[in-house]
C-alpha cells in the first residue's frame, strides 16, 4: 500500500508559478512510477506528467510541455511538479498518483491539492 500526500496548491495569477509536492510512503517509493493528474470543475481527470523511480523516463501532456517540470527526490520520497507560466486553464484539483512499474493503471492516489489561476 502506497500512501501519498500532496501540498503546495493555492491561488496564483496568470503567468505565475507554483511548485507542488507529493510525499510517498518511504518504503515503496524506489519501486514505483509517480504521476500527476488534474481535474478541472465539470471535466474528467487528465494526465499531466509522470516520472519513473530512477528519473530516467519522463512524460508530459502536450498542454503543459515547456511550462511544467516533474522531478523527484528519492532521499525524501518526494515528487515535485514545478508549474511556470500558468494559465487560467491550469485551474484544477491536482492529484499525485503511483503505480507499479509493470502496471498500466495508477492504483494509488493522494487526496489532491487545489490550484486556482486567476486571469
N, C-alpha and C. Protein backbone atom coordinates (compact mmCIF):
# COMPACT_ATOMS: atom_id res chain seq x y z
N UNK A 1 0.85 -1.19 0.00
CA UNK A 1 0.00 0.00 0.00
C UNK A 1 0.88 1.24 0.00
N UNK A 2 0.66 2.12 -0.96
CA UNK A 2 1.41 3.37 -1.05
C UNK A 2 0.52 4.51 -0.59
N UNK A 3 1.01 5.28 0.32
CA UNK A 3 0.26 6.46 0.78
C UNK A 3 0.90 7.71 0.21
N UNK A 4 0.06 8.62 -0.30
CA UNK A 4 0.53 9.82 -0.96
C UNK A 4 -0.14 11.05 -0.35
N UNK A 5 0.62 12.11 -0.18
CA UNK A 5 0.06 13.35 0.33
C UNK A 5 0.62 14.51 -0.48
N UNK A 6 -0.27 15.27 -1.12
CA UNK A 6 0.14 16.42 -1.92
C UNK A 6 0.12 17.69 -1.07
N UNK A 7 0.89 18.68 -1.51
CA UNK A 7 0.87 20.01 -0.91
C UNK A 7 1.38 21.01 -1.94
N UNK A 8 1.15 22.29 -1.63
CA UNK A 8 1.70 23.34 -2.48
C UNK A 8 0.68 24.05 -3.35
N UNK A 9 -0.56 23.59 -3.34
CA UNK A 9 -1.58 24.26 -4.13
C UNK A 9 -1.92 25.62 -3.57
N UNK A 10 -2.69 26.39 -4.33
CA UNK A 10 -3.09 27.71 -3.88
C UNK A 10 -3.58 28.56 -5.02
N UNK A 11 -3.63 29.85 -4.76
CA UNK A 11 -4.10 30.83 -5.74
C UNK A 11 -2.90 31.56 -6.32
N UNK A 12 -2.85 31.66 -7.65
CA UNK A 12 -1.74 32.34 -8.32
C UNK A 12 -2.30 33.11 -9.51
N UNK A 13 -1.66 34.20 -9.85
CA UNK A 13 -2.07 34.97 -11.02
C UNK A 13 -1.55 34.33 -12.29
N UNK A 14 -2.26 34.56 -13.38
CA UNK A 14 -1.80 34.06 -14.67
C UNK A 14 -0.38 34.56 -14.94
N UNK A 15 0.45 33.66 -15.43
CA UNK A 15 1.86 33.97 -15.65
C UNK A 15 2.75 33.62 -14.48
N UNK A 16 2.14 33.32 -13.34
CA UNK A 16 2.90 33.00 -12.14
C UNK A 16 3.31 31.54 -12.07
N UNK A 17 3.84 31.16 -10.90
CA UNK A 17 4.38 29.81 -10.71
C UNK A 17 3.92 29.22 -9.39
N UNK A 18 3.84 27.91 -9.37
CA UNK A 18 3.60 27.15 -8.15
C UNK A 18 4.44 25.87 -8.22
N UNK A 19 4.80 25.37 -7.06
CA UNK A 19 5.54 24.11 -7.01
C UNK A 19 4.79 23.14 -6.10
N UNK A 20 4.25 22.08 -6.69
CA UNK A 20 3.53 21.08 -5.92
C UNK A 20 4.49 20.00 -5.45
N UNK A 21 4.19 19.45 -4.29
CA UNK A 21 4.99 18.35 -3.74
C UNK A 21 4.08 17.18 -3.42
N UNK A 22 4.63 15.98 -3.51
CA UNK A 22 3.89 14.78 -3.15
C UNK A 22 4.85 13.85 -2.41
N UNK A 23 4.53 13.60 -1.16
CA UNK A 23 5.35 12.70 -0.35
C UNK A 23 4.74 11.30 -0.40
N UNK A 24 5.58 10.33 -0.72
CA UNK A 24 5.12 8.94 -0.81
C UNK A 24 5.65 8.12 0.34
N UNK A 25 4.98 7.01 0.59
CA UNK A 25 5.44 6.09 1.63
C UNK A 25 6.86 5.69 1.35
N UNK A 26 7.70 5.93 2.29
CA UNK A 26 9.13 5.76 2.06
C UNK A 26 9.49 4.33 1.65
N UNK A 27 8.79 3.39 2.17
CA UNK A 27 9.18 2.01 1.97
C UNK A 27 9.07 1.55 0.53
N UNK A 28 8.13 2.14 -0.23
CA UNK A 28 7.90 1.65 -1.58
C UNK A 28 8.30 2.64 -2.66
N UNK A 29 8.77 3.81 -2.26
CA UNK A 29 8.98 4.87 -3.23
C UNK A 29 9.94 4.46 -4.34
N UNK A 30 10.95 3.75 -4.04
CA UNK A 30 12.01 3.46 -5.01
C UNK A 30 11.58 2.48 -6.09
N UNK A 31 10.40 1.87 -5.99
CA UNK A 31 10.00 0.86 -6.97
C UNK A 31 8.72 1.21 -7.71
N UNK A 32 8.36 2.49 -7.73
CA UNK A 32 7.09 2.84 -8.36
C UNK A 32 7.26 3.97 -9.37
N UNK A 33 6.25 4.11 -10.23
CA UNK A 33 6.17 5.23 -11.17
C UNK A 33 5.22 6.26 -10.57
N UNK A 34 5.66 7.50 -10.57
CA UNK A 34 4.85 8.58 -9.99
C UNK A 34 4.27 9.45 -11.07
N UNK A 35 3.03 9.86 -10.87
CA UNK A 35 2.39 10.72 -11.86
C UNK A 35 1.60 11.84 -11.21
N UNK A 36 1.39 12.88 -12.00
CA UNK A 36 0.50 13.98 -11.61
C UNK A 36 -0.68 14.01 -12.59
N UNK A 37 -1.86 14.17 -12.03
CA UNK A 37 -3.08 14.30 -12.81
C UNK A 37 -3.81 15.55 -12.32
N UNK A 38 -4.77 16.02 -13.11
CA UNK A 38 -5.58 17.13 -12.67
C UNK A 38 -7.01 16.98 -13.16
N UNK A 39 -7.91 17.55 -12.40
CA UNK A 39 -9.32 17.51 -12.76
C UNK A 39 -9.92 18.89 -12.56
N UNK A 40 -10.32 19.49 -13.66
CA UNK A 40 -10.97 20.80 -13.61
C UNK A 40 -12.45 20.60 -13.32
N UNK A 41 -13.10 21.62 -12.79
CA UNK A 41 -14.54 21.51 -12.46
C UNK A 41 -15.35 21.08 -13.68
N UNK A 42 -16.14 20.05 -13.51
CA UNK A 42 -17.01 19.59 -14.59
C UNK A 42 -16.32 18.80 -15.68
N UNK A 43 -15.04 18.48 -15.49
CA UNK A 43 -14.29 17.75 -16.51
C UNK A 43 -13.71 16.47 -15.94
N UNK A 44 -13.23 15.61 -16.84
CA UNK A 44 -12.61 14.37 -16.41
C UNK A 44 -11.19 14.63 -15.91
N UNK A 45 -10.68 13.68 -15.17
CA UNK A 45 -9.32 13.78 -14.69
C UNK A 45 -8.34 13.48 -15.83
N UNK A 46 -7.35 14.35 -15.99
CA UNK A 46 -6.41 14.24 -17.10
C UNK A 46 -4.98 14.02 -16.60
N UNK A 47 -4.22 13.32 -17.40
CA UNK A 47 -2.81 13.12 -17.13
C UNK A 47 -2.05 14.43 -17.32
N UNK A 48 -1.09 14.69 -16.44
CA UNK A 48 -0.26 15.89 -16.54
C UNK A 48 1.20 15.52 -16.82
N UNK A 49 1.75 14.66 -15.95
CA UNK A 49 3.16 14.29 -16.11
C UNK A 49 3.44 13.03 -15.31
N UNK A 50 4.52 12.34 -15.67
CA UNK A 50 4.93 11.16 -14.91
C UNK A 50 6.44 11.03 -14.94
N UNK A 51 6.95 10.28 -13.96
CA UNK A 51 8.39 10.07 -13.85
C UNK A 51 8.65 8.69 -13.27
N UNK A 52 9.62 7.98 -13.80
CA UNK A 52 9.98 6.68 -13.25
C UNK A 52 10.81 6.85 -11.98
N UNK A 53 10.91 5.79 -11.23
CA UNK A 53 11.54 5.89 -9.92
C UNK A 53 12.99 6.33 -10.04
N UNK A 54 13.64 5.99 -11.14
CA UNK A 54 15.04 6.39 -11.28
C UNK A 54 15.18 7.73 -12.02
N UNK A 55 14.05 8.33 -12.39
CA UNK A 55 14.08 9.63 -13.05
C UNK A 55 14.46 9.57 -14.51
N UNK A 56 14.61 8.36 -15.06
CA UNK A 56 15.12 8.22 -16.42
C UNK A 56 14.06 8.52 -17.48
N UNK A 57 12.81 8.15 -17.18
CA UNK A 57 11.75 8.34 -18.16
C UNK A 57 10.73 9.33 -17.63
N UNK A 58 10.49 10.37 -18.41
CA UNK A 58 9.57 11.44 -18.03
C UNK A 58 8.62 11.68 -19.19
N UNK A 59 7.36 11.93 -18.85
CA UNK A 59 6.36 12.21 -19.88
C UNK A 59 5.50 13.38 -19.44
N UNK A 60 5.04 14.15 -20.43
CA UNK A 60 4.20 15.31 -20.16
C UNK A 60 3.01 15.32 -21.11
N UNK A 61 1.91 15.85 -20.63
CA UNK A 61 0.79 16.15 -21.51
C UNK A 61 1.20 17.32 -22.41
N UNK A 62 0.69 17.33 -23.63
CA UNK A 62 1.04 18.40 -24.57
C UNK A 62 0.71 19.78 -24.00
N UNK A 63 -0.36 19.84 -23.24
CA UNK A 63 -0.83 21.13 -22.74
C UNK A 63 0.12 21.77 -21.73
N UNK A 64 1.04 21.00 -21.17
CA UNK A 64 1.94 21.56 -20.15
C UNK A 64 3.40 21.51 -20.56
N UNK A 65 3.71 20.93 -21.69
CA UNK A 65 5.09 20.84 -22.14
C UNK A 65 5.72 22.22 -22.26
N UNK A 66 6.92 22.35 -21.73
CA UNK A 66 7.62 23.63 -21.78
C UNK A 66 7.27 24.56 -20.64
N UNK A 67 6.22 24.23 -19.89
CA UNK A 67 5.81 25.08 -18.75
C UNK A 67 5.94 24.36 -17.42
N UNK A 68 5.66 23.07 -17.40
CA UNK A 68 5.71 22.28 -16.17
C UNK A 68 6.93 21.36 -16.19
N UNK A 69 7.47 21.11 -15.00
CA UNK A 69 8.60 20.19 -14.87
C UNK A 69 8.35 19.25 -13.70
N UNK A 70 8.44 17.95 -13.97
CA UNK A 70 8.30 16.96 -12.91
C UNK A 70 9.70 16.49 -12.51
N UNK A 71 9.87 16.28 -11.23
CA UNK A 71 11.14 15.79 -10.72
C UNK A 71 10.90 15.00 -9.45
N UNK A 72 11.91 14.29 -8.99
CA UNK A 72 11.75 13.53 -7.75
C UNK A 72 13.03 13.57 -6.94
N UNK A 73 12.85 13.42 -5.64
CA UNK A 73 13.97 13.34 -4.70
C UNK A 73 13.79 12.03 -3.94
N UNK A 74 14.54 11.03 -4.35
CA UNK A 74 14.36 9.70 -3.75
C UNK A 74 14.69 9.71 -2.26
N UNK A 75 15.66 10.50 -1.88
CA UNK A 75 16.05 10.54 -0.46
C UNK A 75 14.91 11.07 0.41
N UNK A 76 14.07 11.91 -0.18
CA UNK A 76 12.94 12.47 0.57
C UNK A 76 11.61 11.79 0.21
N UNK A 77 11.67 10.78 -0.67
CA UNK A 77 10.45 10.08 -1.11
C UNK A 77 9.42 11.07 -1.64
N UNK A 78 9.87 12.04 -2.38
CA UNK A 78 9.02 13.14 -2.81
C UNK A 78 9.13 13.36 -4.31
N UNK A 79 8.00 13.63 -4.94
CA UNK A 79 7.96 14.04 -6.33
C UNK A 79 7.39 15.44 -6.40
N UNK A 80 7.92 16.23 -7.33
CA UNK A 80 7.54 17.63 -7.44
C UNK A 80 6.93 17.92 -8.81
N UNK A 81 6.12 18.96 -8.86
CA UNK A 81 5.63 19.47 -10.13
C UNK A 81 5.80 20.98 -10.10
N UNK A 82 6.82 21.46 -10.79
CA UNK A 82 7.05 22.89 -10.90
C UNK A 82 6.23 23.41 -12.06
N UNK A 83 5.35 24.35 -11.77
CA UNK A 83 4.44 24.89 -12.77
C UNK A 83 4.77 26.36 -13.00
N UNK A 84 5.18 26.68 -14.21
CA UNK A 84 5.52 28.05 -14.59
C UNK A 84 4.59 28.56 -15.69
N UNK A 85 4.59 29.85 -15.90
CA UNK A 85 3.77 30.47 -16.96
C UNK A 85 2.35 29.93 -16.90
N UNK A 86 1.79 29.97 -15.74
CA UNK A 86 0.50 29.34 -15.55
C UNK A 86 -0.61 30.12 -16.24
N UNK A 87 -1.63 29.34 -16.64
CA UNK A 87 -2.77 29.91 -17.35
C UNK A 87 -4.05 29.60 -16.58
N UNK A 88 -5.09 30.34 -16.91
CA UNK A 88 -6.37 30.11 -16.24
C UNK A 88 -6.84 28.67 -16.42
N UNK A 89 -6.52 28.08 -17.57
CA UNK A 89 -6.96 26.70 -17.83
C UNK A 89 -6.17 25.66 -17.03
N UNK A 90 -5.19 26.08 -16.28
CA UNK A 90 -4.48 25.17 -15.37
C UNK A 90 -5.23 25.01 -14.05
N UNK A 91 -6.28 25.79 -13.87
CA UNK A 91 -7.07 25.70 -12.65
C UNK A 91 -7.70 24.31 -12.54
N UNK A 92 -7.44 23.63 -11.43
CA UNK A 92 -7.92 22.26 -11.25
C UNK A 92 -7.53 21.75 -9.88
N UNK A 93 -8.08 20.59 -9.55
CA UNK A 93 -7.55 19.83 -8.41
C UNK A 93 -6.44 18.95 -8.96
N UNK A 94 -5.28 19.02 -8.32
CA UNK A 94 -4.14 18.25 -8.78
C UNK A 94 -3.92 17.05 -7.86
N UNK A 95 -3.74 15.90 -8.50
CA UNK A 95 -3.59 14.65 -7.76
C UNK A 95 -2.24 14.01 -8.06
N UNK A 96 -1.63 13.49 -7.04
CA UNK A 96 -0.44 12.67 -7.19
C UNK A 96 -0.89 11.21 -7.22
N UNK A 97 -0.24 10.40 -8.04
CA UNK A 97 -0.62 9.00 -8.16
C UNK A 97 0.62 8.14 -8.32
N UNK A 98 0.45 6.86 -8.02
CA UNK A 98 1.57 5.93 -8.11
C UNK A 98 1.10 4.59 -8.67
N UNK A 99 1.99 3.96 -9.39
CA UNK A 99 1.69 2.61 -9.89
C UNK A 99 2.96 1.78 -9.88
N UNK A 100 2.78 0.49 -9.89
CA UNK A 100 3.90 -0.41 -10.01
C UNK A 100 4.47 -0.30 -11.43
N UNK A 101 5.74 -0.54 -11.62
CA UNK A 101 6.36 -0.38 -12.94
C UNK A 101 5.68 -1.21 -14.04
N UNK A 102 5.15 -2.38 -13.70
CA UNK A 102 4.54 -3.25 -14.71
C UNK A 102 3.05 -3.01 -14.88
N UNK A 103 2.48 -2.14 -14.08
CA UNK A 103 1.04 -1.88 -14.15
C UNK A 103 0.75 -0.80 -15.18
N UNK A 104 -0.45 -0.84 -15.77
CA UNK A 104 -0.84 0.18 -16.74
C UNK A 104 -1.72 1.25 -16.11
N UNK A 105 -2.30 0.92 -14.97
CA UNK A 105 -3.16 1.88 -14.28
C UNK A 105 -2.53 2.28 -12.95
N UNK A 106 -2.82 3.54 -12.57
CA UNK A 106 -2.36 4.04 -11.28
C UNK A 106 -3.30 3.53 -10.19
N UNK A 107 -2.72 2.83 -9.23
CA UNK A 107 -3.55 2.20 -8.20
C UNK A 107 -3.65 3.02 -6.93
N UNK A 108 -2.73 3.95 -6.75
CA UNK A 108 -2.67 4.71 -5.51
C UNK A 108 -2.78 6.20 -5.80
N UNK A 109 -3.61 6.88 -5.01
CA UNK A 109 -3.89 8.29 -5.25
C UNK A 109 -3.84 9.09 -3.96
N UNK A 110 -3.38 10.32 -4.06
CA UNK A 110 -3.45 11.22 -2.94
C UNK A 110 -4.80 11.92 -2.92
N UNK A 111 -5.08 12.67 -1.86
CA UNK A 111 -6.37 13.37 -1.73
C UNK A 111 -6.50 14.58 -2.63
N UNK A 112 -5.37 15.08 -3.16
CA UNK A 112 -5.41 16.21 -4.07
C UNK A 112 -5.09 17.53 -3.40
N UNK A 113 -4.65 18.48 -4.23
CA UNK A 113 -4.41 19.85 -3.77
C UNK A 113 -4.96 20.79 -4.83
N UNK A 114 -5.66 21.82 -4.39
CA UNK A 114 -6.36 22.69 -5.33
C UNK A 114 -5.46 23.81 -5.83
N UNK A 115 -5.51 24.02 -7.14
CA UNK A 115 -4.77 25.10 -7.78
C UNK A 115 -5.74 25.99 -8.52
N UNK A 116 -5.67 27.28 -8.24
CA UNK A 116 -6.53 28.25 -8.91
C UNK A 116 -5.66 29.33 -9.54
N UNK A 117 -5.85 29.55 -10.83
CA UNK A 117 -5.10 30.57 -11.55
C UNK A 117 -6.07 31.67 -11.96
N UNK A 118 -5.81 32.86 -11.46
CA UNK A 118 -6.68 33.99 -11.77
C UNK A 118 -6.17 34.71 -13.01
N UNK A 119 -7.09 35.09 -13.86
CA UNK A 119 -6.68 35.75 -15.12
C UNK A 119 -6.79 37.26 -14.99
